[in-house]
PDB file of all heavy atoms in Angstrom:
ATOM      1  N   LYS A   1       1.663  -8.596  -1.712  1.00  0.00           N
ATOM      2  CA  LYS A   1       1.978  -7.449  -0.858  1.00  0.00           C
ATOM      3  C   LYS A   1       2.958  -7.795   0.259  1.00  0.00           C
ATOM      4  O   LYS A   1       3.861  -7.012   0.571  1.00  0.00           O
ATOM      5  CB  LYS A   1       0.698  -6.887  -0.242  1.00  0.00           C
ATOM      6  CG  LYS A   1      -0.293  -6.331  -1.255  1.00  0.00           C
ATOM      7  CD  LYS A   1       0.275  -5.146  -2.020  1.00  0.00           C
ATOM      8  CE  LYS A   1       0.412  -3.924  -1.153  1.00  0.00           C
ATOM      9  NZ  LYS A   1       0.843  -2.734  -1.931  1.00  0.00           N
ATOM     10  N   GLU A   2       2.784  -8.973   0.860  1.00  0.00           N
ATOM     11  CA  GLU A   2       3.518  -9.267   2.092  1.00  0.00           C
ATOM     12  C   GLU A   2       4.719 -10.189   1.905  1.00  0.00           C
ATOM     13  O   GLU A   2       5.634 -10.177   2.729  1.00  0.00           O
ATOM     14  CB  GLU A   2       2.544  -9.859   3.115  1.00  0.00           C
ATOM     15  CG  GLU A   2       1.475  -8.844   3.524  1.00  0.00           C
ATOM     16  CD  GLU A   2       0.190  -9.493   4.010  1.00  0.00           C
ATOM     17  OE1 GLU A   2       0.249 -10.651   4.462  1.00  0.00           O
ATOM     18  OE2 GLU A   2      -0.868  -8.842   3.915  1.00  0.00           O
ATOM     19  N   VAL A   3       4.730 -10.977   0.843  1.00  0.00           N
ATOM     20  CA  VAL A   3       5.876 -11.843   0.570  1.00  0.00           C
ATOM     21  C   VAL A   3       6.773 -11.210  -0.502  1.00  0.00           C
ATOM     22  O   VAL A   3       7.977 -11.056  -0.301  1.00  0.00           O
ATOM     23  CB  VAL A   3       5.429 -13.252   0.139  1.00  0.00           C
ATOM     24  CG1 VAL A   3       6.642 -14.113  -0.193  1.00  0.00           C
ATOM     25  CG2 VAL A   3       4.603 -13.904   1.250  1.00  0.00           C
ATOM     26  N   LEU A   4       6.160 -10.825  -1.630  1.00  0.00           N
ATOM     27  CA  LEU A   4       6.948 -10.178  -2.674  1.00  0.00           C
ATOM     28  C   LEU A   4       7.259  -8.723  -2.328  1.00  0.00           C
ATOM     29  O   LEU A   4       8.212  -8.154  -2.866  1.00  0.00           O
ATOM     30  CB  LEU A   4       6.210 -10.242  -4.021  1.00  0.00           C
ATOM     31  CG  LEU A   4       5.943 -11.638  -4.594  1.00  0.00           C
ATOM     32  CD1 LEU A   4       5.288 -11.527  -5.963  1.00  0.00           C
ATOM     33  CD2 LEU A   4       7.231 -12.440  -4.689  1.00  0.00           C
ATOM     34  N   GLY A   5       6.443  -8.115  -1.483  1.00  0.00           N
ATOM     35  CA  GLY A   5       6.696  -6.739  -1.061  1.00  0.00           C
ATOM     36  C   GLY A   5       6.467  -5.708  -2.148  1.00  0.00           C
ATOM     37  O   GLY A   5       7.153  -4.677  -2.198  1.00  0.00           O
ATOM     38  N   VAL A   6       5.482  -5.957  -3.020  1.00  0.00           N
ATOM     39  CA  VAL A   6       5.184  -5.020  -4.104  1.00  0.00           C
ATOM     40  C   VAL A   6       4.416  -3.825  -3.536  1.00  0.00           C
ATOM     41  O   VAL A   6       3.341  -3.992  -2.957  1.00  0.00           O
ATOM     42  CB  VAL A   6       4.365  -5.701  -5.220  1.00  0.00           C
ATOM     43  CG1 VAL A   6       4.039  -4.701  -6.321  1.00  0.00           C
ATOM     44  CG2 VAL A   6       5.120  -6.897  -5.783  1.00  0.00           C
ATOM     45  N   LYS A   7       4.952  -2.645  -3.727  1.00  0.00           N
ATOM     46  CA  LYS A   7       4.326  -1.441  -3.179  1.00  0.00           C
ATOM     47  C   LYS A   7       3.104  -1.021  -3.982  1.00  0.00           C
ATOM     48  O   LYS A   7       2.055  -0.718  -3.431  1.00  0.00           O
ATOM     49  CB  LYS A   7       5.340  -0.300  -3.133  1.00  0.00           C
ATOM     50  CG  LYS A   7       4.798   0.979  -2.503  1.00  0.00           C
ATOM     51  CD  LYS A   7       5.871   2.055  -2.403  1.00  0.00           C
ATOM     52  CE  LYS A   7       5.314   3.311  -1.736  1.00  0.00           C
ATOM     53  NZ  LYS A   7       6.351   4.381  -1.638  1.00  0.00           N
ATOM     54  N   TYR A   8       3.261  -0.986  -5.308  1.00  0.00           N
ATOM     55  CA  TYR A   8       2.173  -0.526  -6.169  1.00  0.00           C
ATOM     56  C   TYR A   8       1.601  -1.705  -6.948  1.00  0.00           C
ATOM     57  O   TYR A   8       2.226  -2.208  -7.897  1.00  0.00           O
ATOM     58  CB  TYR A   8       2.666   0.566  -7.110  1.00  0.00           C
ATOM     59  CG  TYR A   8       3.139   1.810  -6.383  1.00  0.00           C
ATOM     60  CD1 TYR A   8       4.448   2.255  -6.507  1.00  0.00           C
ATOM     61  CD2 TYR A   8       2.273   2.519  -5.554  1.00  0.00           C
ATOM     62  CE1 TYR A   8       4.876   3.388  -5.837  1.00  0.00           C
ATOM     63  CE2 TYR A   8       2.699   3.647  -4.872  1.00  0.00           C
ATOM     64  CZ  TYR A   8       3.996   4.082  -5.018  1.00  0.00           C
ATOM     65  OH  TYR A   8       4.414   5.198  -4.336  1.00  0.00           O
ATOM     66  N   TYR A   9       0.445  -2.137  -6.503  1.00  0.00           N
ATOM     67  CA  TYR A   9      -0.222  -3.327  -7.059  1.00  0.00           C
ATOM     68  C   TYR A   9      -1.713  -3.105  -6.956  1.00  0.00           C
ATOM     69  O   TYR A   9      -2.205  -2.520  -5.982  1.00  0.00           O
ATOM     70  CB  TYR A   9       0.195  -4.562  -6.260  1.00  0.00           C
ATOM     71  CG  TYR A   9      -0.742  -5.751  -6.367  1.00  0.00           C
ATOM     72  CD1 TYR A   9      -0.696  -6.583  -7.472  1.00  0.00           C
ATOM     73  CD2 TYR A   9      -1.664  -6.044  -5.361  1.00  0.00           C
ATOM     74  CE1 TYR A   9      -1.547  -7.679  -7.572  1.00  0.00           C
ATOM     75  CE2 TYR A   9      -2.509  -7.131  -5.451  1.00  0.00           C
ATOM     76  CZ  TYR A   9      -2.453  -7.947  -6.563  1.00  0.00           C
ATOM     77  OH  TYR A   9      -3.292  -9.026  -6.665  1.00  0.00           O
ATOM     78  N   ASP A  10      -2.456  -3.555  -7.971  1.00  0.00           N
ATOM     79  CA  ASP A  10      -3.910  -3.423  -7.909  1.00  0.00           C
ATOM     80  C   ASP A  10      -4.552  -4.546  -8.715  1.00  0.00           C
ATOM     81  O   ASP A  10      -4.007  -4.972  -9.742  1.00  0.00           O
ATOM     82  CB  ASP A  10      -4.349  -2.063  -8.459  1.00  0.00           C
ATOM     83  CG  ASP A  10      -5.675  -1.617  -7.855  1.00  0.00           C
ATOM     84  OD1 ASP A  10      -5.660  -1.132  -6.710  1.00  0.00           O
ATOM     85  OD2 ASP A  10      -6.714  -1.753  -8.525  1.00  0.00           O
ATOM     86  N   ARG A  11      -5.713  -4.996  -8.231  1.00  0.00           N
ATOM     87  CA  ARG A  11      -6.426  -6.089  -8.899  1.00  0.00           C
ATOM     88  C   ARG A  11      -7.906  -5.792  -8.961  1.00  0.00           C
ATOM     89  O   ARG A  11      -8.512  -5.414  -7.966  1.00  0.00           O
ATOM     90  CB  ARG A  11      -6.197  -7.412  -8.161  1.00  0.00           C
ATOM     91  CG  ARG A  11      -6.951  -8.593  -8.790  1.00  0.00           C
ATOM     92  CD  ARG A  11      -6.621  -9.903  -8.117  1.00  0.00           C
ATOM     93  NE  ARG A  11      -7.149  -9.991  -6.760  1.00  0.00           N
ATOM     94  CZ  ARG A  11      -8.406 -10.339  -6.462  1.00  0.00           C
ATOM     95  NH1 ARG A  11      -9.275 -10.598  -7.415  1.00  0.00           N
ATOM     96  NH2 ARG A  11      -8.794 -10.410  -5.197  1.00  0.00           N
ATOM     97  N   TYR A  12      -8.486  -5.979 -10.139  1.00  0.00           N
ATOM     98  CA  TYR A  12      -9.938  -5.937 -10.303  1.00  0.00           C
ATOM     99  C   TYR A  12     -10.341  -7.259 -10.964  1.00  0.00           C
ATOM    100  O   TYR A  12     -10.089  -7.467 -12.144  1.00  0.00           O
ATOM    101  CB  TYR A  12     -10.377  -4.749 -11.159  1.00  0.00           C
ATOM    102  CG  TYR A  12     -11.868  -4.530 -11.118  1.00  0.00           C
ATOM    103  CD1 TYR A  12     -12.428  -3.692 -10.158  1.00  0.00           C
ATOM    104  CD2 TYR A  12     -12.727  -5.202 -11.988  1.00  0.00           C
ATOM    105  CE1 TYR A  12     -13.795  -3.508 -10.088  1.00  0.00           C
ATOM    106  CE2 TYR A  12     -14.092  -5.037 -11.923  1.00  0.00           C
ATOM    107  CZ  TYR A  12     -14.625  -4.186 -10.968  1.00  0.00           C
ATOM    108  OH  TYR A  12     -15.990  -4.016 -10.884  1.00  0.00           O
ATOM    109  N   ALA A  13     -10.921  -8.170 -10.163  1.00  0.00           N
ATOM    110  CA  ALA A  13     -11.217  -9.535 -10.618  1.00  0.00           C
ATOM    111  C   ALA A  13      -9.902 -10.189 -11.058  1.00  0.00           C
ATOM    112  O   ALA A  13      -8.996 -10.323 -10.239  1.00  0.00           O
ATOM    113  CB  ALA A  13     -12.272  -9.540 -11.707  1.00  0.00           C
ATOM    114  N   ASP A  14      -9.768 -10.558 -12.343  1.00  0.00           N
ATOM    115  CA  ASP A  14      -8.507 -11.170 -12.788  1.00  0.00           C
ATOM    116  C   ASP A  14      -7.672 -10.223 -13.638  1.00  0.00           C
ATOM    117  O   ASP A  14      -6.697 -10.655 -14.270  1.00  0.00           O
ATOM    118  CB  ASP A  14      -8.778 -12.467 -13.547  1.00  0.00           C
ATOM    119  CG  ASP A  14      -9.502 -12.226 -14.872  1.00  0.00           C
ATOM    120  OD1 ASP A  14     -10.368 -11.337 -14.918  1.00  0.00           O
ATOM    121  OD2 ASP A  14      -9.204 -12.925 -15.854  1.00  0.00           O
ATOM    122  N   ASP A  15      -8.030  -8.948 -13.680  1.00  0.00           N
ATOM    123  CA  ASP A  15      -7.194  -7.932 -14.323  1.00  0.00           C
ATOM    124  C   ASP A  15      -6.268  -7.345 -13.270  1.00  0.00           C
ATOM    125  O   ASP A  15      -6.728  -6.777 -12.275  1.00  0.00           O
ATOM    126  CB  ASP A  15      -8.050  -6.833 -14.952  1.00  0.00           C
ATOM    127  CG  ASP A  15      -8.827  -7.325 -16.163  1.00  0.00           C
ATOM    128  OD1 ASP A  15      -8.318  -8.225 -16.854  1.00  0.00           O
ATOM    129  OD2 ASP A  15      -9.930  -6.826 -16.405  1.00  0.00           O
ATOM    130  N   ILE A  16      -4.955  -7.468 -13.495  1.00  0.00           N
ATOM    131  CA  ILE A  16      -3.977  -7.163 -12.451  1.00  0.00           C
ATOM    132  C   ILE A  16      -2.875  -6.275 -13.010  1.00  0.00           C
ATOM    133  O   ILE A  16      -2.384  -6.510 -14.125  1.00  0.00           O
ATOM    134  CB  ILE A  16      -3.366  -8.467 -11.892  1.00  0.00           C
ATOM    135  CG1 ILE A  16      -4.474  -9.433 -11.435  1.00  0.00           C
ATOM    136  CG2 ILE A  16      -2.415  -8.176 -10.745  1.00  0.00           C
ATOM    137  CD1 ILE A  16      -3.995 -10.838 -11.114  1.00  0.00           C
ATOM    138  N   VAL A  17      -2.492  -5.248 -12.232  1.00  0.00           N
ATOM    139  CA  VAL A  17      -1.389  -4.373 -12.635  1.00  0.00           C
ATOM    140  C   VAL A  17      -0.371  -4.256 -11.501  1.00  0.00           C
ATOM    141  O   VAL A  17      -0.728  -4.230 -10.324  1.00  0.00           O
ATOM    142  CB  VAL A  17      -1.883  -2.971 -13.050  1.00  0.00           C
ATOM    143  CG1 VAL A  17      -2.656  -3.025 -14.347  1.00  0.00           C
ATOM    144  CG2 VAL A  17      -2.726  -2.334 -11.956  1.00  0.00           C
ATOM    145  N   PHE A  18       0.902  -4.210 -11.881  1.00  0.00           N
ATOM    146  CA  PHE A  18       2.019  -3.994 -10.957  1.00  0.00           C
ATOM    147  C   PHE A  18       2.818  -2.805 -11.484  1.00  0.00           C
ATOM    148  O   PHE A  18       2.947  -2.621 -12.699  1.00  0.00           O
ATOM    149  CB  PHE A  18       2.952  -5.204 -10.908  1.00  0.00           C
ATOM    150  CG  PHE A  18       2.297  -6.512 -10.575  1.00  0.00           C
ATOM    151  CD1 PHE A  18       1.600  -7.227 -11.549  1.00  0.00           C
ATOM    152  CD2 PHE A  18       2.398  -7.056  -9.305  1.00  0.00           C
ATOM    153  CE1 PHE A  18       1.014  -8.449 -11.259  1.00  0.00           C
ATOM    154  CE2 PHE A  18       1.829  -8.288  -9.005  1.00  0.00           C
ATOM    155  CZ  PHE A  18       1.129  -8.979  -9.978  1.00  0.00           C
ATOM    156  N   PHE A  19       3.419  -2.043 -10.574  1.00  0.00           N
ATOM    157  CA  PHE A  19       4.278  -0.932 -10.980  1.00  0.00           C
ATOM    158  C   PHE A  19       5.611  -1.037 -10.248  1.00  0.00           C
ATOM    159  O   PHE A  19       5.671  -1.488  -9.101  1.00  0.00           O
ATOM    160  CB  PHE A  19       3.628   0.412 -10.649  1.00  0.00           C
ATOM    161  CG  PHE A  19       2.339   0.676 -11.380  1.00  0.00           C
ATOM    162  CD1 PHE A  19       1.127   0.329 -10.814  1.00  0.00           C
ATOM    163  CD2 PHE A  19       2.350   1.266 -12.635  1.00  0.00           C
ATOM    164  CE1 PHE A  19      -0.061   0.558 -11.485  1.00  0.00           C
ATOM    165  CE2 PHE A  19       1.169   1.508 -13.313  1.00  0.00           C
ATOM    166  CZ  PHE A  19      -0.042   1.155 -12.744  1.00  0.00           C
ATOM    167  N   ALA A  20       6.668  -0.590 -10.923  1.00  0.00           N
ATOM    168  CA  ALA A  20       8.000  -0.584 -10.309  1.00  0.00           C
ATOM    169  C   ALA A  20       8.875   0.429 -11.041  1.00  0.00           C
ATOM    170  O   ALA A  20       8.485   0.993 -12.075  1.00  0.00           O
ATOM    171  CB  ALA A  20       8.628  -1.974 -10.357  1.00  0.00           C
ATOM    172  N   SER A  21      10.065   0.623 -10.510  1.00  0.00           N
ATOM    173  CA  SER A  21      10.976   1.615 -11.073  1.00  0.00           C
ATOM    174  C   SER A  21      11.816   1.066 -12.219  1.00  0.00           C
ATOM    175  O   SER A  21      12.484   1.826 -12.911  1.00  0.00           O
ATOM    176  CB  SER A  21      11.909   2.158  -9.978  1.00  0.00           C
ATOM    177  OG  SER A  21      12.642   1.095  -9.384  1.00  0.00           O
ATOM    178  N   SER A  22      11.783  -0.268 -12.432  1.00  0.00           N
ATOM    179  CA  SER A  22      12.578  -0.845 -13.521  1.00  0.00           C
ATOM    180  C   SER A  22      11.895  -2.078 -14.099  1.00  0.00           C
ATOM    181  O   SER A  22      11.096  -2.736 -13.428  1.00  0.00           O
ATOM    182  CB  SER A  22      13.968  -1.217 -13.029  1.00  0.00           C
ATOM    183  OG  SER A  22      13.932  -2.402 -12.245  1.00  0.00           O
ATOM    184  N   LYS A  23      12.247  -2.395 -15.328  1.00  0.00           N
ATOM    185  CA  LYS A  23      11.711  -3.590 -15.984  1.00  0.00           C
ATOM    186  C   LYS A  23      12.220  -4.859 -15.311  1.00  0.00           C
ATOM    187  O   LYS A  23      11.487  -5.856 -15.219  1.00  0.00           O
ATOM    188  CB  LYS A  23      12.113  -3.597 -17.464  1.00  0.00           C
ATOM    189  CG  LYS A  23      11.350  -2.633 -18.339  1.00  0.00           C
ATOM    190  CD  LYS A  23      11.723  -2.848 -19.801  1.00  0.00           C
ATOM    191  CE  LYS A  23      10.908  -1.951 -20.715  1.00  0.00           C
ATOM    192  NZ  LYS A  23      11.244  -2.178 -22.147  1.00  0.00           N
ATOM    193  N   ASP A  24      13.454  -4.845 -14.849  1.00  0.00           N
ATOM    194  CA  ASP A  24      14.021  -6.042 -14.219  1.00  0.00           C
ATOM    195  C   ASP A  24      13.225  -6.465 -12.995  1.00  0.00           C
ATOM    196  O   ASP A  24      12.997  -7.659 -12.762  1.00  0.00           O
ATOM    197  CB  ASP A  24      15.483  -5.784 -13.825  1.00  0.00           C
ATOM    198  CG  ASP A  24      16.399  -5.687 -15.036  1.00  0.00           C
ATOM    199  OD1 ASP A  24      15.993  -6.182 -16.115  1.00  0.00           O
ATOM    200  OD2 ASP A  24      17.495  -5.122 -14.905  1.00  0.00           O
ATOM    201  N   ILE A  25      12.802  -5.483 -12.200  1.00  0.00           N
ATOM    202  CA  ILE A  25      11.984  -5.799 -11.018  1.00  0.00           C
ATOM    203  C   ILE A  25      10.686  -6.467 -11.443  1.00  0.00           C
ATOM    204  O   ILE A  25      10.268  -7.480 -10.857  1.00  0.00           O
ATOM    205  CB  ILE A  25      11.692  -4.519 -10.209  1.00  0.00           C
ATOM    206  CG1 ILE A  25      12.981  -3.964  -9.605  1.00  0.00           C
ATOM    207  CG2 ILE A  25      10.654  -4.794  -9.109  1.00  0.00           C
ATOM    208  CD1 ILE A  25      12.815  -2.610  -8.923  1.00  0.00           C
ATOM    209  N   LEU A  26      10.060  -5.937 -12.475  1.00  0.00           N
ATOM    210  CA  LEU A  26       8.777  -6.483 -12.931  1.00  0.00           C
ATOM    211  C   LEU A  26       8.939  -7.866 -13.545  1.00  0.00           C
ATOM    212  O   LEU A  26       8.066  -8.728 -13.380  1.00  0.00           O
ATOM    213  CB  LEU A  26       8.127  -5.525 -13.930  1.00  0.00           C
ATOM    214  CG  LEU A  26       7.657  -4.190 -13.338  1.00  0.00           C
ATOM    215  CD1 LEU A  26       7.085  -3.290 -14.427  1.00  0.00           C
ATOM    216  CD2 LEU A  26       6.615  -4.402 -12.237  1.00  0.00           C
ATOM    217  N   HIS A  27      10.043  -8.126 -14.233  1.00  0.00           N
ATOM    218  CA  HIS A  27      10.289  -9.471 -14.773  1.00  0.00           C
ATOM    219  C   HIS A  27      10.448 -10.479 -13.631  1.00  0.00           C
ATOM    220  O   HIS A  27       9.955 -11.616 -13.726  1.00  0.00           O
ATOM    221  CB  HIS A  27      11.532  -9.470 -15.667  1.00  0.00           C
ATOM    222  CG  HIS A  27      11.280  -8.983 -17.060  1.00  0.00           C
ATOM    223  ND1 HIS A  27      10.501  -9.677 -17.964  1.00  0.00           N
ATOM    224  CD2 HIS A  27      11.687  -7.851 -17.695  1.00  0.00           C
ATOM    225  CE1 HIS A  27      10.446  -9.018 -19.104  1.00  0.00           C
ATOM    226  NE2 HIS A  27      11.154  -7.899 -18.981  1.00  0.00           N
ATOM    227  N   GLY A  28      11.091 -10.072 -12.548  1.00  0.00           N
ATOM    228  CA  GLY A  28      11.217 -10.954 -11.387  1.00  0.00           C
ATOM    229  C   GLY A  28       9.871 -11.228 -10.741  1.00  0.00           C
ATOM    230  O   GLY A  28       9.559 -12.368 -10.359  1.00  0.00           O
ATOM    231  N   ILE A  29       9.046 -10.176 -10.625  1.00  0.00           N
ATOM    232  CA  ILE A  29       7.691 -10.337 -10.081  1.00  0.00           C
ATOM    233  C   ILE A  29       6.876 -11.280 -10.954  1.00  0.00           C
ATOM    234  O   ILE A  29       6.159 -12.158 -10.453  1.00  0.00           O
ATOM    235  CB  ILE A  29       6.997  -8.963  -9.967  1.00  0.00           C
ATOM    236  CG1 ILE A  29       7.656  -8.118  -8.873  1.00  0.00           C
ATOM    237  CG2 ILE A  29       5.498  -9.130  -9.687  1.00  0.00           C
ATOM    238  CD1 ILE A  29       7.179  -6.681  -8.830  1.00  0.00           C
ATOM    239  N   LEU A  30       6.991 -11.118 -12.256  1.00  0.00           N
ATOM    240  CA  LEU A  30       6.231 -11.952 -13.190  1.00  0.00           C
ATOM    241  C   LEU A  30       6.530 -13.434 -12.987  1.00  0.00           C
ATOM    242  O   LEU A  30       5.603 -14.259 -12.939  1.00  0.00           O
ATOM    243  CB  LEU A  30       6.551 -11.540 -14.626  1.00  0.00           C
ATOM    244  CG  LEU A  30       5.893 -12.364 -15.731  1.00  0.00           C
ATOM    245  CD1 LEU A  30       4.373 -12.264 -15.658  1.00  0.00           C
ATOM    246  CD2 LEU A  30       6.389 -11.901 -17.107  1.00  0.00           C
ATOM    247  N   GLU A  31       7.783 -13.786 -12.852  1.00  0.00           N
ATOM    248  CA  GLU A  31       8.147 -15.193 -12.670  1.00  0.00           C
ATOM    249  C   GLU A  31       7.609 -15.738 -11.345  1.00  0.00           C
ATOM    250  O   GLU A  31       7.128 -16.873 -11.280  1.00  0.00           O
ATOM    251  CB  GLU A  31       9.663 -15.357 -12.741  1.00  0.00           C
ATOM    252  CG  GLU A  31      10.246 -15.058 -14.117  1.00  0.00           C
ATOM    253  CD  GLU A  31       9.553 -15.837 -15.225  1.00  0.00           C
ATOM    254  OE1 GLU A  31       9.375 -17.064 -15.062  1.00  0.00           O
ATOM    255  OE2 GLU A  31       9.181 -15.221 -16.239  1.00  0.00           O
ATOM    256  N   SER A  32       7.674 -14.934 -10.286  1.00  0.00           N
ATOM    257  CA  SER A  32       7.148 -15.362  -8.979  1.00  0.00           C
ATOM    258  C   SER A  32       5.642 -15.543  -9.026  1.00  0.00           C
ATOM    259  O   SER A  32       5.085 -16.494  -8.459  1.00  0.00           O
ATOM    260  CB  SER A  32       7.521 -14.336  -7.908  1.00  0.00           C
ATOM    261  OG  SER A  32       8.923 -14.248  -7.746  1.00  0.00           O
ATOM    262  N   VAL A  33       4.967 -14.628  -9.708  1.00  0.00           N
ATOM    263  CA  VAL A  33       3.505 -14.694  -9.828  1.00  0.00           C
ATOM    264  C   VAL A  33       3.086 -15.925 -10.613  1.00  0.00           C
ATOM    265  O   VAL A  33       2.151 -16.646 -10.231  1.00  0.00           O
ATOM    266  CB  VAL A  33       2.973 -13.397 -10.494  1.00  0.00           C
ATOM    267  CG1 VAL A  33       1.542 -13.587 -10.987  1.00  0.00           C
ATOM    268  CG2 VAL A  33       3.042 -12.233  -9.513  1.00  0.00           C
ATOM    269  N   LYS A  34       3.759 -16.192 -11.715  1.00  0.00           N
ATOM    270  CA  LYS A  34       3.443 -17.386 -12.512  1.00  0.00           C
ATOM    271  C   LYS A  34       3.561 -18.648 -11.667  1.00  0.00           C
ATOM    272  O   LYS A  34       2.681 -19.531 -11.710  1.00  0.00           O
ATOM    273  CB  LYS A  34       4.401 -17.486 -13.706  1.00  0.00           C
ATOM    274  CG  LYS A  34       4.104 -16.552 -14.859  1.00  0.00           C
ATOM    275  CD  LYS A  34       5.103 -16.806 -15.983  1.00  0.00           C
ATOM    276  CE  LYS A  34       4.829 -15.970 -17.200  1.00  0.00           C
ATOM    277  NZ  LYS A  34       5.828 -16.208 -18.284  1.00  0.00           N
ATOM    278  N   ALA A  35       4.636 -18.741 -10.890  1.00  0.00           N
ATOM    279  CA  ALA A  35       4.863 -19.941 -10.068  1.00  0.00           C
ATOM    280  C   ALA A  35       3.789 -20.067  -8.989  1.00  0.00           C
ATOM    281  O   ALA A  35       3.272 -21.172  -8.750  1.00  0.00           O
ATOM    282  CB  ALA A  35       6.256 -19.872  -9.437  1.00  0.00           C
ATOM    283  N   TYR A  36       3.442 -18.959  -8.338  1.00  0.00           N
ATOM    284  CA  TYR A  36       2.435 -19.025  -7.268  1.00  0.00           C
ATOM    285  C   TYR A  36       1.078 -19.450  -7.832  1.00  0.00           C
ATOM    286  O   TYR A  36       0.412 -20.330  -7.261  1.00  0.00           O
ATOM    287  CB  TYR A  36       2.314 -17.662  -6.583  1.00  0.00           C
ATOM    288  CG  TYR A  36       1.317 -17.668  -5.435  1.00  0.00           C
ATOM    289  CD1 TYR A  36       1.739 -17.889  -4.139  1.00  0.00           C
ATOM    290  CD2 TYR A  36      -0.050 -17.483  -5.662  1.00  0.00           C
ATOM    291  CE1 TYR A  36       0.829 -17.917  -3.085  1.00  0.00           C
ATOM    292  CE2 TYR A  36      -0.969 -17.507  -4.628  1.00  0.00           C
ATOM    293  CZ  TYR A  36      -0.520 -17.727  -3.336  1.00  0.00           C
ATOM    294  OH  TYR A  36      -1.421 -17.759  -2.305  1.00  0.00           O
ATOM    295  N   LEU A  37       0.665 -18.826  -8.914  1.00  0.00           N
ATOM    296  CA  LEU A  37      -0.650 -19.136  -9.486  1.00  0.00           C
ATOM    297  C   LEU A  37      -0.730 -20.591  -9.930  1.00  0.00           C
ATOM    298  O   LEU A  37      -1.737 -21.271  -9.708  1.00  0.00           O
ATOM    299  CB  LEU A  37      -0.942 -18.207 -10.662  1.00  0.00           C
ATOM    300  CG  LEU A  37      -1.173 -16.737 -10.317  1.00  0.00           C
ATOM    301  CD1 LEU A  37      -1.318 -15.907 -11.584  1.00  0.00           C
ATOM    302  CD2 LEU A  37      -2.395 -16.552  -9.424  1.00  0.00           C
ATOM    303  N   LYS A  38       0.346 -21.101 -10.528  1.00  0.00           N
ATOM    304  CA  LYS A  38       0.351 -22.484 -11.002  1.00  0.00           C
ATOM    305  C   LYS A  38       0.374 -23.474  -9.840  1.00  0.00           C
ATOM    306  O   LYS A  38      -0.398 -24.444  -9.823  1.00  0.00           O
ATOM    307  CB  LYS A  38       1.559 -22.713 -11.912  1.00  0.00           C
ATOM    308  CG  LYS A  38       1.643 -24.127 -12.466  1.00  0.00           C
ATOM    309  CD  LYS A  38       2.859 -24.297 -13.374  1.00  0.00           C
ATOM    310  CE  LYS A  38       2.945 -25.722 -13.908  1.00  0.00           C
ATOM    311  NZ  LYS A  38       4.139 -25.900 -14.792  1.00  0.00           N
TER     312      LYS A  38
END
């Protein structure tokens, strides 16, 4: 929320959803999320 600045995001345990206006934005989020979790 505060570093990536994702407006529409929700998590229930380890089930997680992100929303955006384009696929490119979500692909960028995906790479950042993978790096943070690892």
